[in-house]
């Protein structure tokens, strides 16, 4: 069988367009109350997969790391030595303060991930809600793989927007936010990583049957808090029921068009 020809790693991607800017992210994180973390119960769907597949006590970096909740999770639950990179200065400072509150030692780079020259490779490279904010995700993935330990380093990618019901909810109710996301399918994500000789360890859908809260992250939500709360309440209740049922039954249906995101775990070969 003929081996797939791998794509050379880019240094600084040319013509790559970010769909967001520093102001966008600083607005996202400006009202976050610290400390903020995540736990195995809060993220039971992911936690069960991570515990089965990930190594312990290795080096870790999160790309687009604000506010540091995932870094605290991996430090506490897996014993990782954690680092993070965040190019919005306010978001980076928020992350530093949060991890100090949580007593998690961490190294935070306030840099542009696409151009920053890292001095080391990492055993686990994590990104949750990062790749889809660029118009050329393949080039971004190349940069991610490039900082991953070539000796079977692990790459974890979460993309919270996929084609289907929730994509349309976002387009209809919060089009400005939807415009900041480049649509990537699970099949495409697998193919992108394979182009860099990353073997897929796990690939699947997340949050099946949950519905994206419609009135959120838009001007109406900011100006009409009570109406927003009442309109969103049935959706939040439904999502709570689904979340509890999947955790108790340990059943996580894989229905792409009804999911809220995708997870890919790959290993460098």
C-alpha atoms as a PDB file:
ATOM      1  CA  UNK A   1       0.000   0.000   0.000  1.00  0.00           C
ATOM      2  CA  UNK A   2       1.385   3.367  -1.008  1.00  0.00           C
ATOM      3  CA  UNK A   3       2.105   5.627   1.934  1.00  0.00           C
ATOM      4  CA  UNK A   4       0.309   8.957   2.052  1.00  0.00           C
ATOM      5  CA  UNK A   5       2.614  11.821   1.142  1.00  0.00           C
ATOM      6  CA  UNK A   6       2.731  14.161   4.100  1.00  0.00           C
ATOM      7  CA  UNK A   7       2.412  17.915   3.805  1.00  0.00           C
ATOM      8  CA  UNK A   8       5.452  19.915   4.974  1.00  0.00           C
ATOM      9  CA  UNK A   9       4.930  21.840   8.188  1.00  0.00           C
ATOM     10  CA  UNK A  10       4.387  25.544   7.553  1.00  0.00           C
ATOM     11  CA  UNK A  11       6.487  28.069   9.431  1.00  0.00           C
ATOM     12  CA  UNK A  12       4.333  31.203   9.329  1.00  0.00           C
ATOM     13  CA  UNK A  13       1.213  30.502   7.243  1.00  0.00           C
ATOM     14  CA  UNK A  14       0.836  32.868   4.289  1.00  0.00           C
ATOM     15  CA  UNK A  15      -2.536  34.315   3.431  1.00  0.00           C
ATOM     16  CA  UNK A  16      -4.148  32.764   6.507  1.00  0.00           C
ATOM     17  CA  UNK A  17      -7.110  34.795   7.703  1.00  0.00           C
ATOM     18  CA  UNK A  18      -8.284  34.820  11.309  1.00  0.00           C
ATOM     19  CA  UNK A  19     -12.058  35.218  11.628  1.00  0.00           C
ATOM     20  CA  UNK A  20     -11.674  36.859  15.038  1.00  0.00           C
ATOM     21  CA  UNK A  21      -9.357  39.476  16.553  1.00  0.00           C
ATOM     22  CA  UNK A  22      -8.018  40.406  20.001  1.00  0.00           C
ATOM     23  CA  UNK A  23     -10.936  42.730  20.687  1.00  0.00           C
ATOM     24  CA  UNK A  24     -13.401  39.918  20.010  1.00  0.00           C
ATOM     25  CA  UNK A  25     -11.776  37.625  22.560  1.00  0.00           C
ATOM     26  CA  UNK A  26     -11.275  40.301  25.166  1.00  0.00           C
ATOM     27  CA  UNK A  27     -15.002  41.065  24.907  1.00  0.00           C
ATOM     28  CA  UNK A  28     -15.769  37.341  25.351  1.00  0.00           C
ATOM     29  CA  UNK A  29     -13.765  37.068  28.569  1.00  0.00           C
ATOM     30  CA  UNK A  30     -14.155  40.530  30.122  1.00  0.00           C
ATOM     31  CA  UNK A  31     -17.025  39.640  32.486  1.00  0.00           C
ATOM     32  CA  UNK A  32     -15.789  36.240  33.625  1.00  0.00           C
ATOM     33  CA  UNK A  33     -15.789  35.816  37.403  1.00  0.00           C
ATOM     34  CA  UNK A  34     -12.827  34.024  38.939  1.00  0.00           C
ATOM     35  CA  UNK A  35     -11.985  31.406  39.885  1.00  0.00           C
ATOM     36  CA  UNK A  36     -13.357  29.239  37.095  1.00  0.00           C
ATOM     37  CA  UNK A  37     -12.514  25.589  36.545  1.00  0.00           C
ATOM     38  CA  UNK A  38     -13.951  22.397  35.128  1.00  0.00           C
ATOM     39  CA  UNK A  39     -14.427  18.989  36.709  1.00  0.00           C
ATOM     40  CA  UNK A  40     -14.940  15.345  35.684  1.00  0.00           C
ATOM     41  CA  UNK A  41     -18.649  15.664  36.492  1.00  0.00           C
ATOM     42  CA  UNK A  42     -19.122  18.880  34.517  1.00  0.00           C
ATOM     43  CA  UNK A  43     -17.441  17.331  31.485  1.00  0.00           C
ATOM     44  CA  UNK A  44     -18.328  13.672  32.023  1.00  0.00           C
ATOM     45  CA  UNK A  45     -18.703  12.976  28.307  1.00  0.00           C
ATOM     46  CA  UNK A  46     -15.124  14.017  27.621  1.00  0.00           C
ATOM     47  CA  UNK A  47     -13.707  12.833  30.929  1.00  0.00           C
ATOM     48  CA  UNK A  48     -14.634   9.187  30.286  1.00  0.00           C
ATOM     49  CA  UNK A  49     -12.800   9.295  26.930  1.00  0.00           C
ATOM     50  CA  UNK A  50      -9.747  11.110  28.247  1.00  0.00           C
ATOM     51  CA  UNK A  51      -9.284   8.679  31.157  1.00  0.00           C
ATOM     52  CA  UNK A  52      -9.334   5.742  28.794  1.00  0.00           C
ATOM     53  CA  UNK A  53      -6.946   7.110  26.175  1.00  0.00           C
ATOM     54  CA  UNK A  54      -4.579   9.716  27.586  1.00  0.00           C
ATOM     55  CA  UNK A  55      -1.203   9.274  29.305  1.00  0.00           C
ATOM     56  CA  UNK A  56      -0.452  10.626  32.780  1.00  0.00           C
ATOM     57  CA  UNK A  57       2.161  13.055  34.101  1.00  0.00           C
ATOM     58  CA  UNK A  58       3.478  14.514  30.839  1.00  0.00           C
ATOM     59  CA  UNK A  59       3.955  18.001  29.367  1.00  0.00           C
ATOM     60  CA  UNK A  60       0.838  19.770  28.084  1.00  0.00           C
ATOM     61  CA  UNK A  61      -0.024  22.983  26.254  1.00  0.00           C
ATOM     62  CA  UNK A  62      -3.392  24.514  25.408  1.00  0.00           C
ATOM     63  CA  UNK A  63      -3.720  26.677  22.293  1.00  0.00           C
ATOM     64  CA  UNK A  64      -6.037  29.606  22.995  1.00  0.00           C
ATOM     65  CA  UNK A  65      -5.998  28.858  26.712  1.00  0.00           C
ATOM     66  CA  UNK A  66      -8.284  31.471  28.338  1.00  0.00           C
ATOM     67  CA  UNK A  67      -9.572  31.269  31.007  1.00  0.00           C
ATOM     68  CA  UNK A  68      -7.448  28.272  32.057  1.00  0.00           C
ATOM     69  CA  UNK A  69     -10.233  25.935  33.206  1.00  0.00           C
ATOM     70  CA  UNK A  70      -9.032  23.079  30.994  1.00  0.00           C
ATOM     71  CA  UNK A  71      -5.453  23.593  32.123  1.00  0.00           C
ATOM     72  CA  UNK A  72      -6.565  23.233  35.747  1.00  0.00           C
ATOM     73  CA  UNK A  73      -8.504  20.058  34.867  1.00  0.00           C
ATOM     74  CA  UNK A  74      -5.557  18.361  33.193  1.00  0.00           C
ATOM     75  CA  UNK A  75      -3.139  19.454  35.917  1.00  0.00           C
ATOM     76  CA  UNK A  76      -5.324  18.076  38.710  1.00  0.00           C
ATOM     77  CA  UNK A  77      -6.803  14.990  37.075  1.00  0.00           C
ATOM     78  CA  UNK A  78      -3.833  13.821  34.972  1.00  0.00           C
ATOM     79  CA  UNK A  79      -0.836  15.361  36.724  1.00  0.00           C
ATOM     80  CA  UNK A  80       0.205  17.316  33.642  1.00  0.00           C
ATOM     81  CA  UNK A  81       2.813  20.050  33.659  1.00  0.00           C
ATOM     82  CA  UNK A  82       0.663  22.687  31.972  1.00  0.00           C
ATOM     83  CA  UNK A  83       1.394  25.601  29.649  1.00  0.00           C
ATOM     84  CA  UNK A  84      -0.865  27.769  27.541  1.00  0.00           C
ATOM     85  CA  UNK A  85      -0.690  30.375  24.795  1.00  0.00           C
ATOM     86  CA  UNK A  86      -3.163  33.244  24.381  1.00  0.00           C
ATOM     87  CA  UNK A  87      -2.666  36.208  22.068  1.00  0.00           C
ATOM     88  CA  UNK A  88      -5.205  38.606  23.612  1.00  0.00           C
ATOM     89  CA  UNK A  89      -3.314  40.310  26.510  1.00  0.00           C
ATOM     90  CA  UNK A  90      -6.347  40.754  28.772  1.00  0.00           C
ATOM     91  CA  UNK A  91      -7.375  37.124  28.243  1.00  0.00           C
ATOM     92  CA  UNK A  92      -3.825  35.966  29.022  1.00  0.00           C
ATOM     93  CA  UNK A  93      -3.768  37.960  32.263  1.00  0.00           C
ATOM     94  CA  UNK A  94      -7.168  36.571  33.200  1.00  0.00           C
ATOM     95  CA  UNK A  95      -5.808  33.058  32.704  1.00  0.00           C
ATOM     96  CA  UNK A  96      -2.761  33.762  34.868  1.00  0.00           C
ATOM     97  CA  UNK A  97      -4.922  35.135  37.701  1.00  0.00           C
ATOM     98  CA  UNK A  98      -7.342  32.236  37.475  1.00  0.00           C
ATOM     99  CA  UNK A  99      -4.610  29.620  37.741  1.00  0.00           C
ATOM    100  CA  UNK A 100      -3.047  31.495  40.650  1.00  0.00           C
ATOM    101  CA  UNK A 101      -6.414  31.378  42.450  1.00  0.00           C
ATOM    102  CA  UNK A 102      -6.593  27.651  41.753  1.00  0.00           C
ATOM    103  CA  UNK A 103      -2.966  27.133  42.864  1.00  0.00           C
ATOM    104  CA  UNK A 104      -2.022  25.563  39.522  1.00  0.00           C
ATOM    105  CA  UNK A 105       1.595  26.192  38.411  1.00  0.00           C
ATOM    106  CA  UNK A 106       1.563  27.131  34.738  1.00  0.00           C
ATOM    107  CA  UNK A 107       3.536  28.889  32.021  1.00  0.00           C
ATOM    108  CA  UNK A 108       1.450  31.310  29.940  1.00  0.00           C
ATOM    109  CA  UNK A 109       2.720  32.801  26.674  1.00  0.00           C
ATOM    110  CA  UNK A 110       1.079  36.035  25.572  1.00  0.00           C
ATOM    111  CA  UNK A 111       1.885  35.474  21.928  1.00  0.00           C
ATOM    112  CA  UNK A 112       0.399  34.777  18.498  1.00  0.00           C
ATOM    113  CA  UNK A 113       0.429  30.997  18.206  1.00  0.00           C
ATOM    114  CA  UNK A 114       0.853  31.073  14.426  1.00  0.00           C
ATOM    115  CA  UNK A 115       4.134  32.976  14.527  1.00  0.00           C
ATOM    116  CA  UNK A 116       5.577  32.254  17.982  1.00  0.00           C
ATOM    117  CA  UNK A 117       8.738  30.122  17.941  1.00  0.00           C
ATOM    118  CA  UNK A 118       8.367  27.511  20.652  1.00  0.00           C
ATOM    119  CA  UNK A 119      11.523  26.275  22.361  1.00  0.00           C
ATOM    120  CA  UNK A 120      10.205  22.775  23.010  1.00  0.00           C
ATOM    121  CA  UNK A 121       7.755  20.104  21.868  1.00  0.00           C
ATOM    122  CA  UNK A 122       4.847  19.000  24.046  1.00  0.00           C
ATOM    123  CA  UNK A 123       3.561  15.516  24.813  1.00  0.00           C
ATOM    124  CA  UNK A 124      -0.076  16.638  24.698  1.00  0.00           C
ATOM    125  CA  UNK A 125      -1.330  19.590  22.639  1.00  0.00           C
ATOM    126  CA  UNK A 126      -4.925  20.609  23.315  1.00  0.00           C
ATOM    127  CA  UNK A 127      -7.237  23.080  21.584  1.00  0.00           C
ATOM    128  CA  UNK A 128     -10.917  23.580  22.296  1.00  0.00           C
ATOM    129  CA  UNK A 129     -12.667  26.054  20.030  1.00  0.00           C
ATOM    130  CA  UNK A 130      -9.612  27.371  18.177  1.00  0.00           C
ATOM    131  CA  UNK A 131      -9.080  25.815  14.742  1.00  0.00           C
ATOM    132  CA  UNK A 132     -12.501  26.764  13.389  1.00  0.00           C
ATOM    133  CA  UNK A 133     -11.753  30.484  13.794  1.00  0.00           C
ATOM    134  CA  UNK A 134      -9.455  30.442  10.732  1.00  0.00           C
ATOM    135  CA  UNK A 135     -10.300  30.196   7.052  1.00  0.00           C
ATOM    136  CA  UNK A 136      -7.507  27.677   6.363  1.00  0.00           C
ATOM    137  CA  UNK A 137      -7.718  25.098   9.161  1.00  0.00           C
ATOM    138  CA  UNK A 138      -5.232  22.742   7.490  1.00  0.00           C
ATOM    139  CA  UNK A 139      -2.420  25.261   7.946  1.00  0.00           C
ATOM    140  CA  UNK A 140      -3.352  25.824  11.585  1.00  0.00           C
ATOM    141  CA  UNK A 141      -3.347  22.079  12.191  1.00  0.00           C
ATOM    142  CA  UNK A 142       0.115  21.916  10.658  1.00  0.00           C
ATOM    143  CA  UNK A 143       1.362  24.384  13.247  1.00  0.00           C
ATOM    144  CA  UNK A 144      -0.290  22.414  16.052  1.00  0.00           C
ATOM    145  CA  UNK A 145       1.283  19.141  14.951  1.00  0.00           C
ATOM    146  CA  UNK A 146       4.635  20.866  14.582  1.00  0.00           C
ATOM    147  CA  UNK A 147       4.843  21.596  18.338  1.00  0.00           C
ATOM    148  CA  UNK A 148       3.706  18.088  19.291  1.00  0.00           C
ATOM    149  CA  UNK A 149       6.328  15.587  20.458  1.00  0.00           C
ATOM    150  CA  UNK A 150       7.237  13.564  17.329  1.00  0.00           C
ATOM    151  CA  UNK A 151       7.682  10.491  19.534  1.00  0.00           C
ATOM    152  CA  UNK A 152       3.966   9.597  19.679  1.00  0.00           C
ATOM    153  CA  UNK A 153       2.813  12.945  21.016  1.00  0.00           C
ATOM    154  CA  UNK A 154      -0.952  13.388  21.444  1.00  0.00           C
ATOM    155  CA  UNK A 155      -3.101  16.061  19.781  1.00  0.00           C
ATOM    156  CA  UNK A 156      -6.582  16.738  21.231  1.00  0.00           C
ATOM    157  CA  UNK A 157      -8.979  18.902  19.217  1.00  0.00           C
ATOM    158  CA  UNK A 158     -12.500  19.985  20.153  1.00  0.00           C
ATOM    159  CA  UNK A 159     -14.584  21.913  17.645  1.00  0.00           C
ATOM    160  CA  UNK A 160     -17.870  23.184  19.137  1.00  0.00           C
ATOM    161  CA  UNK A 161     -19.663  23.906  15.865  1.00  0.00           C
ATOM    162  CA  UNK A 162     -20.561  21.327  13.243  1.00  0.00           C
ATOM    163  CA  UNK A 163     -23.024  21.145  10.323  1.00  0.00           C
ATOM    164  CA  UNK A 164     -26.529  20.302  11.503  1.00  0.00           C
ATOM    165  CA  UNK A 165     -29.366  21.608  13.675  1.00  0.00           C
ATOM    166  CA  UNK A 166     -27.211  23.650  16.045  1.00  0.00           C
ATOM    167  CA  UNK A 167     -25.302  25.287  13.213  1.00  0.00           C
ATOM    168  CA  UNK A 168     -28.606  26.599  11.874  1.00  0.00           C
ATOM    169  CA  UNK A 169     -29.693  27.758  15.330  1.00  0.00           C
ATOM    170  CA  UNK A 170     -26.500  29.795  15.520  1.00  0.00           C
ATOM    171  CA  UNK A 171     -26.915  31.231  12.011  1.00  0.00           C
ATOM    172  CA  UNK A 172     -30.511  32.291  12.640  1.00  0.00           C
ATOM    173  CA  UNK A 173     -30.289  33.675  16.173  1.00  0.00           C
ATOM    174  CA  UNK A 174     -26.691  34.908  16.384  1.00  0.00           C
ATOM    175  CA  UNK A 175     -25.377  35.366  12.855  1.00  0.00           C
ATOM    176  CA  UNK A 176     -22.436  37.565  13.897  1.00  0.00           C
ATOM    177  CA  UNK A 177     -21.062  34.777  16.076  1.00  0.00           C
ATOM    178  CA  UNK A 178     -21.757  32.137  13.416  1.00  0.00           C
ATOM    179  CA  UNK A 179     -19.762  34.183  10.917  1.00  0.00           C
ATOM    180  CA  UNK A 180     -16.691  33.810  13.139  1.00  0.00           C
ATOM    181  CA  UNK A 181     -16.710  30.020  12.701  1.00  0.00           C
ATOM    182  CA  UNK A 182     -15.392  28.066   9.731  1.00  0.00           C
ATOM    183  CA  UNK A 183     -17.378  24.861   9.329  1.00  0.00           C
ATOM    184  CA  UNK A 184     -15.312  21.665   9.651  1.00  0.00           C
ATOM    185  CA  UNK A 185     -16.800  18.182   9.511  1.00  0.00           C
ATOM    186  CA  UNK A 186     -15.540  15.206  11.475  1.00  0.00           C
ATOM    187  CA  UNK A 187     -14.399  13.488   8.288  1.00  0.00           C
ATOM    188  CA  UNK A 188     -12.488  16.606   7.199  1.00  0.00           C
ATOM    189  CA  UNK A 189     -10.786  16.914  10.586  1.00  0.00           C
ATOM    190  CA  UNK A 190      -9.594  13.315  10.413  1.00  0.00           C
ATOM    191  CA  UNK A 191      -8.282  13.871   6.880  1.00  0.00           C
ATOM    192  CA  UNK A 192      -6.471  17.072   7.885  1.00  0.00           C
ATOM    193  CA  UNK A 193      -4.574  15.298  10.651  1.00  0.00           C
ATOM    194  CA  UNK A 194      -3.789  12.298   8.475  1.00  0.00           C
ATOM    195  CA  UNK A 195      -2.080  14.710   6.067  1.00  0.00           C
ATOM    196  CA  UNK A 196       0.502  15.282   8.816  1.00  0.00           C
ATOM    197  CA  UNK A 197       0.886  11.591   9.681  1.00  0.00           C
ATOM    198  CA  UNK A 198      -1.253  11.826  12.800  1.00  0.00           C
ATOM    199  CA  UNK A 199      -3.044   8.551  13.481  1.00  0.00           C
ATOM    200  CA  UNK A 200      -6.619   8.873  14.717  1.00  0.00           C
ATOM    201  CA  UNK A 201      -7.010   7.349  18.177  1.00  0.00           C
ATOM    202  CA  UNK A 202     -10.574   8.597  18.683  1.00  0.00           C
ATOM    203  CA  UNK A 203     -13.020  10.646  16.607  1.00  0.00           C
ATOM    204  CA  UNK A 204     -16.652  11.255  17.481  1.00  0.00           C
ATOM    205  CA  UNK A 205     -19.518  13.651  18.102  1.00  0.00           C
ATOM    206  CA  UNK A 206     -20.254  15.480  21.352  1.00  0.00           C
ATOM    207  CA  UNK A 207     -23.410  16.684  23.070  1.00  0.00           C
ATOM    208  CA  UNK A 208     -25.876  14.660  21.039  1.00  0.00           C
ATOM    209  CA  UNK A 209     -29.529  15.805  21.394  1.00  0.00           C
ATOM    210  CA  UNK A 210     -28.547  19.014  23.183  1.00  0.00           C
ATOM    211  CA  UNK A 211     -29.793  22.241  21.643  1.00  0.00           C
ATOM    212  CA  UNK A 212     -27.696  25.383  21.472  1.00  0.00           C
ATOM    213  CA  UNK A 213     -29.223  28.107  23.640  1.00  0.00           C
ATOM    214  CA  UNK A 214     -30.661  30.413  20.929  1.00  0.00           C
ATOM    215  CA  UNK A 215     -30.649  33.872  22.527  1.00  0.00           C
ATOM    216  CA  UNK A 216     -27.060  34.316  23.572  1.00  0.00           C
ATOM    217  CA  UNK A 217     -24.007  36.334  22.588  1.00  0.00           C
ATOM    218  CA  UNK A 218     -26.040  38.983  20.759  1.00  0.00           C
ATOM    219  CA  UNK A 219     -27.335  42.504  21.398  1.00  0.00           C
ATOM    220  CA  UNK A 220     -30.858  41.361  22.298  1.00  0.00           C
ATOM    221  CA  UNK A 221     -29.506  39.155  25.091  1.00  0.00           C
ATOM    222  CA  UNK A 222     -27.530  42.076  26.526  1.00  0.00           C
ATOM    223  CA  UNK A 223     -30.470  44.496  26.470  1.00  0.00           C
ATOM    224  CA  UNK A 224     -33.315  42.177  27.500  1.00  0.00           C
ATOM    225  CA  UNK A 225     -32.024  39.894  30.228  1.00  0.00           C
ATOM    226  CA  UNK A 226     -35.401  38.797  31.615  1.00  0.00           C
ATOM    227  CA  UNK A 227     -36.917  37.992  28.220  1.00  0.00           C
ATOM    228  CA  UNK A 228     -33.728  36.183  27.271  1.00  0.00           C
ATOM    229  CA  UNK A 229     -33.847  34.100  30.435  1.00  0.00           C
ATOM    230  CA  UNK A 230     -37.488  33.105  29.891  1.00  0.00           C
ATOM    231  CA  UNK A 231     -36.987  32.271  26.209  1.00  0.00           C
ATOM    232  CA  UNK A 232     -33.878  30.194  26.878  1.00  0.00           C
ATOM    233  CA  UNK A 233     -35.265  28.391  29.949  1.00  0.00           C
ATOM    234  CA  UNK A 234     -36.923  25.452  28.086  1.00  0.00           C
ATOM    235  CA  UNK A 235     -33.704  24.837  26.144  1.00  0.00           C
ATOM    236  CA  UNK A 236     -31.577  24.907  29.295  1.00  0.00           C
ATOM    237  CA  UNK A 237     -33.963  22.493  31.034  1.00  0.00           C
ATOM    238  CA  UNK A 238     -33.884  20.129  28.046  1.00  0.00           C
ATOM    239  CA  UNK A 239     -30.090  20.198  27.947  1.00  0.00           C
ATOM    240  CA  UNK A 240     -29.947  19.491  31.690  1.00  0.00           C
ATOM    241  CA  UNK A 241     -32.185  16.443  31.257  1.00  0.00           C
ATOM    242  CA  UNK A 242     -30.026  15.126  28.398  1.00  0.00           C
ATOM    243  CA  UNK A 243     -26.830  15.814  30.324  1.00  0.00           C
ATOM    244  CA  UNK A 244     -28.078  13.944  33.402  1.00  0.00           C
ATOM    245  CA  UNK A 245     -29.493  11.026  31.402  1.00  0.00           C
ATOM    246  CA  UNK A 246     -26.301  10.422  29.419  1.00  0.00           C
ATOM    247  CA  UNK A 247     -24.178  10.588  32.583  1.00  0.00           C
ATOM    248  CA  UNK A 248     -26.378   8.219  34.578  1.00  0.00           C
ATOM    249  CA  UNK A 249     -26.919   5.742  31.734  1.00  0.00           C
ATOM    250  CA  UNK A 250     -23.379   6.154  30.361  1.00  0.00           C
ATOM    251  CA  UNK A 251     -24.870   6.296  26.866  1.00  0.00           C
ATOM    252  CA  UNK A 252     -23.697   8.948  24.409  1.00  0.00           C
ATOM    253  CA  UNK A 253     -25.477   8.692  21.029  1.00  0.00           C
ATOM    254  CA  UNK A 254     -23.425   9.549  17.942  1.00  0.00           C
ATOM    255  CA  UNK A 255     -25.781  11.508  15.693  1.00  0.00           C
ATOM    256  CA  UNK A 256     -23.834  14.131  13.785  1.00  0.00           C
ATOM    257  CA  UNK A 257     -26.661  16.462  12.753  1.00  0.00           C
ATOM    258  CA  UNK A 258     -27.935  16.613  16.351  1.00  0.00           C
ATOM    259  CA  UNK A 259     -24.582  17.179  18.037  1.00  0.00           C
ATOM    260  CA  UNK A 260     -22.977  20.291  19.509  1.00  0.00           C
ATOM    261  CA  UNK A 261     -19.398  19.528  18.528  1.00  0.00           C
ATOM    262  CA  UNK A 262     -16.711  17.030  17.601  1.00  0.00           C
ATOM    263  CA  UNK A 263     -13.700  15.534  19.355  1.00  0.00           C
ATOM    264  CA  UNK A 264     -10.575  14.205  17.697  1.00  0.00           C
ATOM    265  CA  UNK A 265      -7.635  12.611  19.480  1.00  0.00           C
ATOM    266  CA  UNK A 266      -4.622  11.775  17.373  1.00  0.00           C
ATOM    267  CA  UNK A 267      -1.107  10.432  17.898  1.00  0.00           C
ATOM    268  CA  UNK A 268       1.976  11.399  15.906  1.00  0.00           C
ATOM    269  CA  UNK A 269       3.534   8.489  14.053  1.00  0.00           C
END
